[in-house]
Amino acid sequence: MDRALDHYLALDYPVEIKRVDESLGGGYLACIPCLGSQAFVGDGDTPQEAYENLMSAKAEIFEDYLKSGLSIPEPPNTSAYDDYSGKLVLRMPRDLHARLSLAAKANDTSLNQFIVYALSRFEAKWDVLADIKALWERPDNYWDVSSVSTTSSEKRFSDWNRGETYERETA
């Protein structure tokens, strides 16, 4: 088991270190986002201390995972992104530029950070919608509404059970 632990401890996991606001006690917080930014955490008065505490926590958690038979994900392969700089030039209508700038200001962030945030949220929603569409279009997609006791013809999705055909409305 020590050999396996040494293997995982030697892997290069990306680490994020952030300053903690003085109103929350100050100091620094280090985490490994790809392993769970809430589980793999270290804190300290300096970035170095936070990093060292994170490495100690990582060793303990990895040891517990291995003892419990839980799998440990390896760091992401960043070589797939070698062709992307993270920079792009984007043209947009002036009114959109103005609305995004105002939204960024209202959120106390830069325009660049706000656009990255907005695109990330859009991408996440797009993925969810694609998953829902794939489920909806499955050939075995039918829903049992016989167990729902309501006089309304409108059924909540959570009330439906698999079993009998539910007619989908089409526009």
N, C-alpha and C. Protein backbone atom coordinates (compact mmCIF):
# COMPACT_ATOMS: atom_id res chain seq x y z
N MET A 1 0.83 -1.19 0.00
CA MET A 1 0.00 0.00 0.00
C MET A 1 0.87 1.25 0.00
N ASP A 2 2.01 1.23 0.65
CA ASP A 2 2.89 2.40 0.69
C ASP A 2 3.36 2.78 -0.71
N ARG A 3 3.57 1.75 -1.54
CA ARG A 3 4.01 2.01 -2.92
C ARG A 3 2.93 2.77 -3.69
N ALA A 4 1.68 2.34 -3.52
CA ALA A 4 0.57 3.02 -4.19
C ALA A 4 0.42 4.45 -3.66
N LEU A 5 0.58 4.63 -2.34
CA LEU A 5 0.48 5.96 -1.75
C LEU A 5 1.58 6.86 -2.31
N ASP A 6 2.80 6.33 -2.38
CA ASP A 6 3.91 7.11 -2.94
C ASP A 6 3.63 7.52 -4.38
N HIS A 7 3.01 6.61 -5.15
CA HIS A 7 2.66 6.92 -6.55
C HIS A 7 1.74 8.14 -6.62
N TYR A 8 0.65 8.12 -5.85
CA TYR A 8 -0.32 9.21 -5.90
C TYR A 8 0.25 10.51 -5.32
N LEU A 9 1.08 10.41 -4.30
CA LEU A 9 1.67 11.61 -3.72
C LEU A 9 2.66 12.26 -4.67
N ALA A 10 3.25 11.47 -5.56
CA ALA A 10 4.23 12.00 -6.51
C ALA A 10 3.57 12.68 -7.72
N LEU A 11 2.27 12.45 -7.94
CA LEU A 11 1.59 13.05 -9.09
C LEU A 11 1.44 14.56 -8.90
N ASP A 12 1.46 15.27 -10.01
CA ASP A 12 1.43 16.74 -9.98
C ASP A 12 -0.01 17.24 -10.13
N TYR A 13 -0.72 17.37 -9.02
CA TYR A 13 -2.08 17.88 -9.03
C TYR A 13 -2.04 19.42 -9.01
N PRO A 14 -2.83 20.08 -9.86
CA PRO A 14 -2.87 21.54 -9.83
C PRO A 14 -3.41 22.04 -8.48
N VAL A 15 -2.76 23.02 -7.90
CA VAL A 15 -3.13 23.58 -6.61
C VAL A 15 -3.51 25.04 -6.79
N GLU A 16 -4.58 25.46 -6.09
CA GLU A 16 -4.96 26.87 -6.07
C GLU A 16 -4.74 27.40 -4.66
N ILE A 17 -4.13 28.57 -4.57
CA ILE A 17 -3.93 29.22 -3.28
C ILE A 17 -4.60 30.59 -3.35
N LYS A 18 -5.48 30.85 -2.37
CA LYS A 18 -6.24 32.10 -2.35
C LYS A 18 -6.07 32.78 -1.00
N ARG A 19 -6.06 34.09 -1.03
CA ARG A 19 -6.01 34.88 0.20
C ARG A 19 -7.41 34.87 0.82
N VAL A 20 -7.48 34.68 2.13
CA VAL A 20 -8.75 34.72 2.86
C VAL A 20 -8.96 36.14 3.36
N ASP A 21 -10.15 36.67 3.13
CA ASP A 21 -10.46 38.04 3.54
C ASP A 21 -10.26 38.20 5.04
N GLU A 22 -9.78 39.37 5.43
CA GLU A 22 -9.53 39.66 6.86
C GLU A 22 -10.79 39.51 7.70
N SER A 23 -11.95 39.82 7.12
CA SER A 23 -13.20 39.69 7.87
C SER A 23 -13.52 38.23 8.19
N LEU A 24 -12.88 37.31 7.47
CA LEU A 24 -13.07 35.88 7.71
C LEU A 24 -11.89 35.26 8.45
N GLY A 25 -11.01 36.08 8.96
CA GLY A 25 -9.87 35.58 9.73
C GLY A 25 -8.53 35.75 9.07
N GLY A 26 -8.51 36.07 7.78
CA GLY A 26 -7.25 36.29 7.07
C GLY A 26 -6.51 35.00 6.79
N GLY A 27 -5.29 35.14 6.32
CA GLY A 27 -4.46 33.99 5.98
C GLY A 27 -4.67 33.55 4.54
N TYR A 28 -4.35 32.28 4.30
CA TYR A 28 -4.43 31.72 2.95
C TYR A 28 -5.09 30.36 2.99
N LEU A 29 -5.72 30.00 1.88
CA LEU A 29 -6.38 28.71 1.72
C LEU A 29 -5.84 28.06 0.46
N ALA A 30 -5.38 26.82 0.58
CA ALA A 30 -4.88 26.07 -0.58
C ALA A 30 -5.82 24.89 -0.81
N CYS A 31 -6.09 24.59 -2.07
CA CYS A 31 -6.96 23.45 -2.39
C CYS A 31 -6.52 22.80 -3.70
N ILE A 32 -7.04 21.59 -3.92
CA ILE A 32 -6.81 20.86 -5.17
C ILE A 32 -8.18 20.70 -5.83
N PRO A 33 -8.56 21.63 -6.72
CA PRO A 33 -9.91 21.63 -7.29
C PRO A 33 -10.32 20.33 -7.95
N CYS A 34 -9.42 19.67 -8.68
CA CYS A 34 -9.82 18.46 -9.40
C CYS A 34 -10.10 17.29 -8.46
N LEU A 35 -9.75 17.41 -7.18
CA LEU A 35 -10.04 16.37 -6.19
C LEU A 35 -11.18 16.77 -5.27
N GLY A 36 -11.67 17.96 -5.43
CA GLY A 36 -12.74 18.47 -4.57
C GLY A 36 -12.20 19.59 -3.72
N SER A 37 -12.55 20.81 -4.09
CA SER A 37 -11.98 21.97 -3.41
C SER A 37 -12.44 22.10 -1.97
N GLN A 38 -13.43 21.31 -1.54
CA GLN A 38 -13.86 21.35 -0.15
C GLN A 38 -13.19 20.24 0.67
N ALA A 39 -12.80 19.15 0.04
CA ALA A 39 -12.21 18.02 0.76
C ALA A 39 -10.70 18.16 0.91
N PHE A 40 -10.04 18.59 -0.12
CA PHE A 40 -8.58 18.69 -0.12
C PHE A 40 -8.20 20.15 0.11
N VAL A 41 -8.07 20.52 1.40
CA VAL A 41 -7.85 21.91 1.77
C VAL A 41 -6.75 22.00 2.81
N GLY A 42 -5.96 23.05 2.72
CA GLY A 42 -4.99 23.39 3.74
C GLY A 42 -5.03 24.89 3.95
N ASP A 43 -4.85 25.32 5.19
CA ASP A 43 -4.85 26.75 5.44
C ASP A 43 -3.61 27.13 6.23
N GLY A 44 -3.29 28.41 6.22
CA GLY A 44 -2.13 28.89 6.94
C GLY A 44 -2.02 30.39 6.89
N ASP A 45 -1.07 30.91 7.66
CA ASP A 45 -0.84 32.36 7.69
C ASP A 45 -0.12 32.86 6.45
N THR A 46 0.60 31.95 5.77
CA THR A 46 1.33 32.30 4.55
C THR A 46 0.93 31.33 3.45
N PRO A 47 1.16 31.68 2.19
CA PRO A 47 0.88 30.73 1.10
C PRO A 47 1.66 29.42 1.29
N GLN A 48 2.91 29.50 1.71
CA GLN A 48 3.72 28.30 1.90
C GLN A 48 3.14 27.40 2.99
N GLU A 49 2.70 28.00 4.10
CA GLU A 49 2.12 27.21 5.19
C GLU A 49 0.82 26.55 4.74
N ALA A 50 -0.01 27.28 3.99
CA ALA A 50 -1.26 26.70 3.47
C ALA A 50 -0.95 25.53 2.55
N TYR A 51 0.06 25.68 1.68
CA TYR A 51 0.46 24.61 0.76
C TYR A 51 0.95 23.39 1.54
N GLU A 52 1.81 23.60 2.53
CA GLU A 52 2.33 22.48 3.32
C GLU A 52 1.22 21.75 4.06
N ASN A 53 0.26 22.50 4.62
CA ASN A 53 -0.87 21.87 5.31
C ASN A 53 -1.75 21.10 4.32
N LEU A 54 -1.89 21.62 3.12
CA LEU A 54 -2.63 20.91 2.07
C LEU A 54 -1.95 19.58 1.73
N MET A 55 -0.62 19.60 1.60
CA MET A 55 0.10 18.37 1.27
C MET A 55 -0.03 17.33 2.38
N SER A 56 -0.04 17.76 3.63
CA SER A 56 -0.24 16.84 4.76
C SER A 56 -1.64 16.24 4.71
N ALA A 57 -2.64 17.10 4.46
CA ALA A 57 -4.02 16.63 4.37
C ALA A 57 -4.18 15.67 3.21
N LYS A 58 -3.55 15.98 2.08
CA LYS A 58 -3.63 15.11 0.89
C LYS A 58 -3.07 13.73 1.22
N ALA A 59 -1.95 13.67 1.90
CA ALA A 59 -1.34 12.38 2.26
C ALA A 59 -2.27 11.57 3.15
N GLU A 60 -2.89 12.22 4.14
CA GLU A 60 -3.81 11.52 5.05
C GLU A 60 -5.05 11.03 4.30
N ILE A 61 -5.61 11.87 3.46
CA ILE A 61 -6.83 11.50 2.73
C ILE A 61 -6.53 10.38 1.74
N PHE A 62 -5.41 10.47 1.01
CA PHE A 62 -5.04 9.41 0.07
C PHE A 62 -4.85 8.09 0.82
N GLU A 63 -4.21 8.13 1.96
CA GLU A 63 -4.00 6.91 2.75
C GLU A 63 -5.34 6.30 3.16
N ASP A 64 -6.28 7.15 3.61
CA ASP A 64 -7.61 6.67 3.97
C ASP A 64 -8.34 6.09 2.75
N TYR A 65 -8.22 6.75 1.60
CA TYR A 65 -8.86 6.26 0.38
C TYR A 65 -8.33 4.86 0.03
N LEU A 66 -7.02 4.70 0.08
CA LEU A 66 -6.42 3.41 -0.28
C LEU A 66 -6.83 2.32 0.71
N LYS A 67 -6.88 2.63 2.00
CA LYS A 67 -7.31 1.65 3.01
C LYS A 67 -8.76 1.25 2.79
N SER A 68 -9.58 2.21 2.36
CA SER A 68 -11.00 1.96 2.15
C SER A 68 -11.30 1.36 0.79
N GLY A 69 -10.30 1.27 -0.07
CA GLY A 69 -10.51 0.73 -1.41
C GLY A 69 -11.14 1.72 -2.37
N LEU A 70 -11.12 3.00 -2.02
CA LEU A 70 -11.67 4.02 -2.91
C LEU A 70 -10.65 4.38 -3.98
N SER A 71 -11.14 4.68 -5.17
CA SER A 71 -10.22 5.05 -6.24
C SER A 71 -9.81 6.51 -6.08
N ILE A 72 -8.61 6.80 -6.52
CA ILE A 72 -8.08 8.16 -6.47
C ILE A 72 -7.89 8.62 -7.91
N PRO A 73 -8.60 9.68 -8.30
CA PRO A 73 -8.42 10.17 -9.67
C PRO A 73 -7.03 10.76 -9.86
N GLU A 74 -6.49 10.57 -11.05
CA GLU A 74 -5.18 11.14 -11.36
C GLU A 74 -5.39 12.56 -11.88
N PRO A 75 -4.35 13.38 -11.86
CA PRO A 75 -4.50 14.77 -12.32
C PRO A 75 -4.93 14.80 -13.79
N PRO A 76 -5.62 15.88 -14.17
CA PRO A 76 -6.06 15.98 -15.57
C PRO A 76 -4.86 16.09 -16.51
N ASN A 77 -5.05 15.56 -17.71
CA ASN A 77 -4.01 15.64 -18.74
C ASN A 77 -4.15 16.99 -19.43
N THR A 78 -3.26 17.89 -19.09
CA THR A 78 -3.35 19.24 -19.65
C THR A 78 -2.72 19.35 -21.03
N SER A 79 -2.06 18.31 -21.50
CA SER A 79 -1.45 18.39 -22.83
C SER A 79 -2.51 18.50 -23.93
N ALA A 80 -3.74 18.11 -23.64
CA ALA A 80 -4.82 18.24 -24.63
C ALA A 80 -5.12 19.71 -24.91
N TYR A 81 -4.68 20.60 -24.02
CA TYR A 81 -4.95 22.02 -24.17
C TYR A 81 -3.75 22.80 -24.69
N ASP A 82 -2.72 22.11 -25.11
CA ASP A 82 -1.51 22.78 -25.56
C ASP A 82 -1.75 23.72 -26.75
N ASP A 83 -2.74 23.43 -27.58
CA ASP A 83 -3.01 24.26 -28.75
C ASP A 83 -3.85 25.49 -28.44
N TYR A 84 -4.25 25.65 -27.17
CA TYR A 84 -5.13 26.76 -26.80
C TYR A 84 -4.40 27.68 -25.82
N SER A 85 -4.37 28.96 -26.14
CA SER A 85 -3.67 29.93 -25.29
C SER A 85 -4.56 30.47 -24.18
N GLY A 86 -5.87 30.35 -24.34
CA GLY A 86 -6.78 30.96 -23.38
C GLY A 86 -7.11 32.39 -23.73
N LYS A 87 -6.60 32.85 -24.86
CA LYS A 87 -6.87 34.22 -25.31
C LYS A 87 -7.61 34.15 -26.63
N LEU A 88 -8.57 35.09 -26.79
CA LEU A 88 -9.24 35.22 -28.08
C LEU A 88 -9.72 36.65 -28.24
N VAL A 89 -9.86 37.06 -29.47
CA VAL A 89 -10.39 38.39 -29.78
C VAL A 89 -11.84 38.20 -30.16
N LEU A 90 -12.69 39.01 -29.57
CA LEU A 90 -14.12 38.83 -29.75
C LEU A 90 -14.77 40.16 -30.12
N ARG A 91 -15.53 40.17 -31.19
CA ARG A 91 -16.29 41.36 -31.59
C ARG A 91 -17.74 41.14 -31.14
N MET A 92 -18.37 42.22 -30.65
CA MET A 92 -19.76 42.12 -30.21
C MET A 92 -20.44 43.47 -30.43
N PRO A 93 -21.76 43.47 -30.47
CA PRO A 93 -22.48 44.74 -30.60
C PRO A 93 -22.20 45.65 -29.40
N ARG A 94 -22.22 46.96 -29.65
CA ARG A 94 -21.93 47.92 -28.58
C ARG A 94 -22.88 47.79 -27.40
N ASP A 95 -24.16 47.56 -27.68
CA ASP A 95 -25.13 47.48 -26.58
C ASP A 95 -24.85 46.26 -25.69
N LEU A 96 -24.43 45.15 -26.29
CA LEU A 96 -24.06 43.98 -25.49
C LEU A 96 -22.82 44.26 -24.66
N HIS A 97 -21.84 44.92 -25.26
CA HIS A 97 -20.63 45.30 -24.55
C HIS A 97 -20.98 46.18 -23.34
N ALA A 98 -21.88 47.12 -23.54
CA ALA A 98 -22.29 48.01 -22.45
C ALA A 98 -23.01 47.24 -21.34
N ARG A 99 -23.93 46.34 -21.72
CA ARG A 99 -24.67 45.56 -20.72
C ARG A 99 -23.74 44.65 -19.93
N LEU A 100 -22.80 44.01 -20.61
CA LEU A 100 -21.84 43.14 -19.92
C LEU A 100 -20.94 43.95 -18.99
N SER A 101 -20.52 45.13 -19.44
CA SER A 101 -19.67 45.99 -18.60
C SER A 101 -20.41 46.41 -17.34
N LEU A 102 -21.68 46.80 -17.48
CA LEU A 102 -22.48 47.18 -16.32
C LEU A 102 -22.68 46.00 -15.37
N ALA A 103 -22.92 44.83 -15.92
CA ALA A 103 -23.09 43.64 -15.08
C ALA A 103 -21.80 43.31 -14.33
N ALA A 104 -20.67 43.44 -15.00
CA ALA A 104 -19.38 43.18 -14.36
C ALA A 104 -19.16 44.17 -13.22
N LYS A 105 -19.46 45.43 -13.48
CA LYS A 105 -19.29 46.45 -12.45
C LYS A 105 -20.20 46.17 -11.26
N ALA A 106 -21.44 45.78 -11.53
CA ALA A 106 -22.40 45.47 -10.46
C ALA A 106 -21.94 44.27 -9.63
N ASN A 107 -21.18 43.38 -10.25
CA ASN A 107 -20.66 42.19 -9.55
C ASN A 107 -19.25 42.40 -9.03
N ASP A 108 -18.77 43.63 -9.11
CA ASP A 108 -17.45 44.01 -8.60
C ASP A 108 -16.35 43.10 -9.15
N THR A 109 -16.36 42.94 -10.47
CA THR A 109 -15.36 42.11 -11.14
C THR A 109 -14.98 42.78 -12.45
N SER A 110 -13.92 42.28 -13.05
CA SER A 110 -13.52 42.82 -14.35
C SER A 110 -14.45 42.29 -15.44
N LEU A 111 -14.48 42.98 -16.55
CA LEU A 111 -15.29 42.53 -17.68
C LEU A 111 -14.83 41.16 -18.14
N ASN A 112 -13.52 40.96 -18.21
CA ASN A 112 -12.98 39.67 -18.64
C ASN A 112 -13.44 38.54 -17.70
N GLN A 113 -13.32 38.75 -16.39
CA GLN A 113 -13.74 37.72 -15.44
C GLN A 113 -15.23 37.46 -15.54
N PHE A 114 -16.03 38.51 -15.73
CA PHE A 114 -17.47 38.34 -15.83
C PHE A 114 -17.84 37.53 -17.07
N ILE A 115 -17.20 37.81 -18.19
CA ILE A 115 -17.49 37.06 -19.42
C ILE A 115 -17.10 35.59 -19.27
N VAL A 116 -15.96 35.31 -18.65
CA VAL A 116 -15.55 33.93 -18.41
C VAL A 116 -16.58 33.24 -17.52
N TYR A 117 -17.03 33.92 -16.46
CA TYR A 117 -18.06 33.38 -15.58
C TYR A 117 -19.35 33.09 -16.35
N ALA A 118 -19.79 34.06 -17.16
CA ALA A 118 -21.03 33.89 -17.93
C ALA A 118 -20.91 32.73 -18.92
N LEU A 119 -19.78 32.62 -19.59
CA LEU A 119 -19.59 31.52 -20.54
C LEU A 119 -19.55 30.17 -19.82
N SER A 120 -18.93 30.13 -18.66
CA SER A 120 -18.88 28.88 -17.89
C SER A 120 -20.28 28.44 -17.46
N ARG A 121 -21.08 29.41 -17.00
CA ARG A 121 -22.46 29.07 -16.61
C ARG A 121 -23.26 28.60 -17.82
N PHE A 122 -23.10 29.27 -18.95
CA PHE A 122 -23.80 28.88 -20.17
C PHE A 122 -23.41 27.47 -20.57
N GLU A 123 -22.12 27.16 -20.55
CA GLU A 123 -21.66 25.83 -20.93
C GLU A 123 -22.24 24.77 -20.02
N ALA A 124 -22.28 25.03 -18.70
CA ALA A 124 -22.84 24.07 -17.75
C ALA A 124 -24.33 23.84 -18.04
N LYS A 125 -25.06 24.91 -18.30
CA LYS A 125 -26.49 24.77 -18.61
C LYS A 125 -26.68 24.03 -19.93
N TRP A 126 -25.83 24.31 -20.89
CA TRP A 126 -25.90 23.64 -22.18
C TRP A 126 -25.72 22.13 -22.01
N ASP A 127 -24.76 21.73 -21.17
CA ASP A 127 -24.53 20.30 -20.90
C ASP A 127 -25.75 19.66 -20.27
N VAL A 128 -26.38 20.34 -19.31
CA VAL A 128 -27.58 19.81 -18.66
C VAL A 128 -28.71 19.66 -19.67
N LEU A 129 -28.90 20.68 -20.50
CA LEU A 129 -29.95 20.60 -21.52
C LEU A 129 -29.69 19.46 -22.51
N ALA A 130 -28.45 19.25 -22.88
CA ALA A 130 -28.12 18.15 -23.79
C ALA A 130 -28.43 16.80 -23.14
N ASP A 131 -28.15 16.68 -21.84
CA ASP A 131 -28.46 15.44 -21.12
C ASP A 131 -29.96 15.20 -21.05
N ILE A 132 -30.72 16.26 -20.77
CA ILE A 132 -32.18 16.13 -20.70
C ILE A 132 -32.74 15.76 -22.07
N LYS A 133 -32.23 16.39 -23.11
CA LYS A 133 -32.69 16.08 -24.48
C LYS A 133 -32.40 14.63 -24.83
N ALA A 134 -31.22 14.15 -24.46
CA ALA A 134 -30.86 12.76 -24.75
C ALA A 134 -31.79 11.81 -24.02
N LEU A 135 -32.13 12.10 -22.77
CA LEU A 135 -33.06 11.25 -22.03
C LEU A 135 -34.45 11.30 -22.64
N TRP A 136 -34.89 12.50 -23.03
CA TRP A 136 -36.22 12.68 -23.59
C TRP A 136 -36.38 11.94 -24.91
N GLU A 137 -35.31 11.88 -25.70
CA GLU A 137 -35.39 11.28 -27.03
C GLU A 137 -35.08 9.78 -27.04
N ARG A 138 -34.82 9.20 -25.87
CA ARG A 138 -34.56 7.76 -25.83
C ARG A 138 -35.78 7.00 -26.33
N PRO A 139 -35.59 5.91 -27.07
CA PRO A 139 -36.73 5.18 -27.60
C PRO A 139 -37.62 4.59 -26.51
N ASP A 140 -37.07 4.28 -25.36
CA ASP A 140 -37.87 3.69 -24.28
C ASP A 140 -38.40 4.76 -23.33
N ASN A 141 -38.55 5.98 -23.83
CA ASN A 141 -38.99 7.10 -23.01
C ASN A 141 -40.51 7.08 -22.87
N TYR A 142 -40.97 6.54 -21.77
CA TYR A 142 -42.39 6.57 -21.47
C TYR A 142 -42.53 6.76 -19.96
N TRP A 143 -43.65 7.36 -19.56
CA TRP A 143 -43.82 7.76 -18.16
C TRP A 143 -45.16 7.28 -17.64
N ASP A 144 -45.20 6.75 -16.44
CA ASP A 144 -46.41 6.26 -15.80
C ASP A 144 -47.01 7.38 -14.96
N VAL A 145 -48.19 7.84 -15.34
CA VAL A 145 -48.85 8.89 -14.59
C VAL A 145 -50.03 8.35 -13.80
N SER A 146 -50.23 7.03 -13.80
CA SER A 146 -51.39 6.44 -13.11
C SER A 146 -51.29 6.55 -11.60
N SER A 147 -50.09 6.63 -11.05
CA SER A 147 -49.92 6.70 -9.60
C SER A 147 -50.03 8.11 -9.05
N VAL A 148 -50.19 9.09 -9.94
CA VAL A 148 -50.26 10.48 -9.50
C VAL A 148 -51.72 10.81 -9.21
N SER A 149 -52.01 11.17 -7.96
CA SER A 149 -53.39 11.48 -7.58
C SER A 149 -53.58 12.99 -7.56
N THR A 150 -53.98 13.50 -8.69
CA THR A 150 -54.28 14.92 -8.80
C THR A 150 -55.31 15.11 -9.90
N THR A 151 -56.14 16.10 -9.74
CA THR A 151 -57.16 16.35 -10.77
C THR A 151 -56.61 17.18 -11.90
N SER A 152 -55.46 17.78 -11.66
CA SER A 152 -54.85 18.61 -12.70
C SER A 152 -54.29 17.73 -13.80
N SER A 153 -54.44 18.19 -15.03
CA SER A 153 -53.86 17.44 -16.14
C SER A 153 -52.36 17.69 -16.23
N GLU A 154 -51.89 18.69 -15.49
CA GLU A 154 -50.47 19.01 -15.51
C GLU A 154 -49.76 18.20 -14.42
N LYS A 155 -48.79 17.40 -14.78
CA LYS A 155 -48.07 16.56 -13.84
C LYS A 155 -46.67 17.11 -13.65
N ARG A 156 -46.20 17.08 -12.41
CA ARG A 156 -44.82 17.43 -12.15
C ARG A 156 -43.94 16.28 -12.58
N PHE A 157 -42.75 16.59 -13.12
CA PHE A 157 -41.82 15.56 -13.58
C PHE A 157 -41.51 14.58 -12.46
N SER A 158 -41.35 15.06 -11.21
CA SER A 158 -41.02 14.20 -10.09
C SER A 158 -42.16 13.26 -9.72
N ASP A 159 -43.39 13.55 -10.18
CA ASP A 159 -44.53 12.68 -9.89
C ASP A 159 -44.65 11.51 -10.86
N TRP A 160 -43.98 11.56 -11.97
CA TRP A 160 -44.12 10.55 -12.99
C TRP A 160 -43.31 9.32 -12.65
N ASN A 161 -43.82 8.17 -13.01
CA ASN A 161 -43.10 6.91 -12.86
C ASN A 161 -43.01 6.24 -14.23
N ARG A 162 -41.94 5.51 -14.43
CA ARG A 162 -41.81 4.77 -15.69
C ARG A 162 -42.94 3.76 -15.76
N GLY A 163 -43.51 3.53 -16.92
CA GLY A 163 -44.53 2.48 -17.03
C GLY A 163 -45.47 2.68 -18.18
N GLU A 164 -46.33 3.70 -18.14
CA GLU A 164 -47.30 3.88 -19.19
C GLU A 164 -46.96 5.10 -20.03
N THR A 165 -47.42 5.11 -21.24
CA THR A 165 -47.05 6.16 -22.19
C THR A 165 -47.64 7.51 -21.77
N TYR A 166 -46.82 8.52 -21.86
CA TYR A 166 -47.24 9.89 -21.64
C TYR A 166 -47.09 10.61 -22.96
N GLU A 167 -48.15 11.20 -23.43
CA GLU A 167 -48.10 11.89 -24.72
C GLU A 167 -47.40 13.23 -24.56
N ARG A 168 -46.40 13.44 -25.35
CA ARG A 168 -45.70 14.73 -25.34
C ARG A 168 -46.40 15.70 -26.26
N GLU A 169 -46.53 16.93 -25.80
CA GLU A 169 -47.12 17.96 -26.66
C GLU A 169 -46.06 18.43 -27.64
N THR A 170 -46.49 18.67 -28.87
CA THR A 170 -45.58 19.22 -29.87
C THR A 170 -46.10 20.56 -30.33
N ALA A 171 -45.20 21.45 -30.60
CA ALA A 171 -45.61 22.80 -31.01
C ALA A 171 -46.02 22.84 -32.44
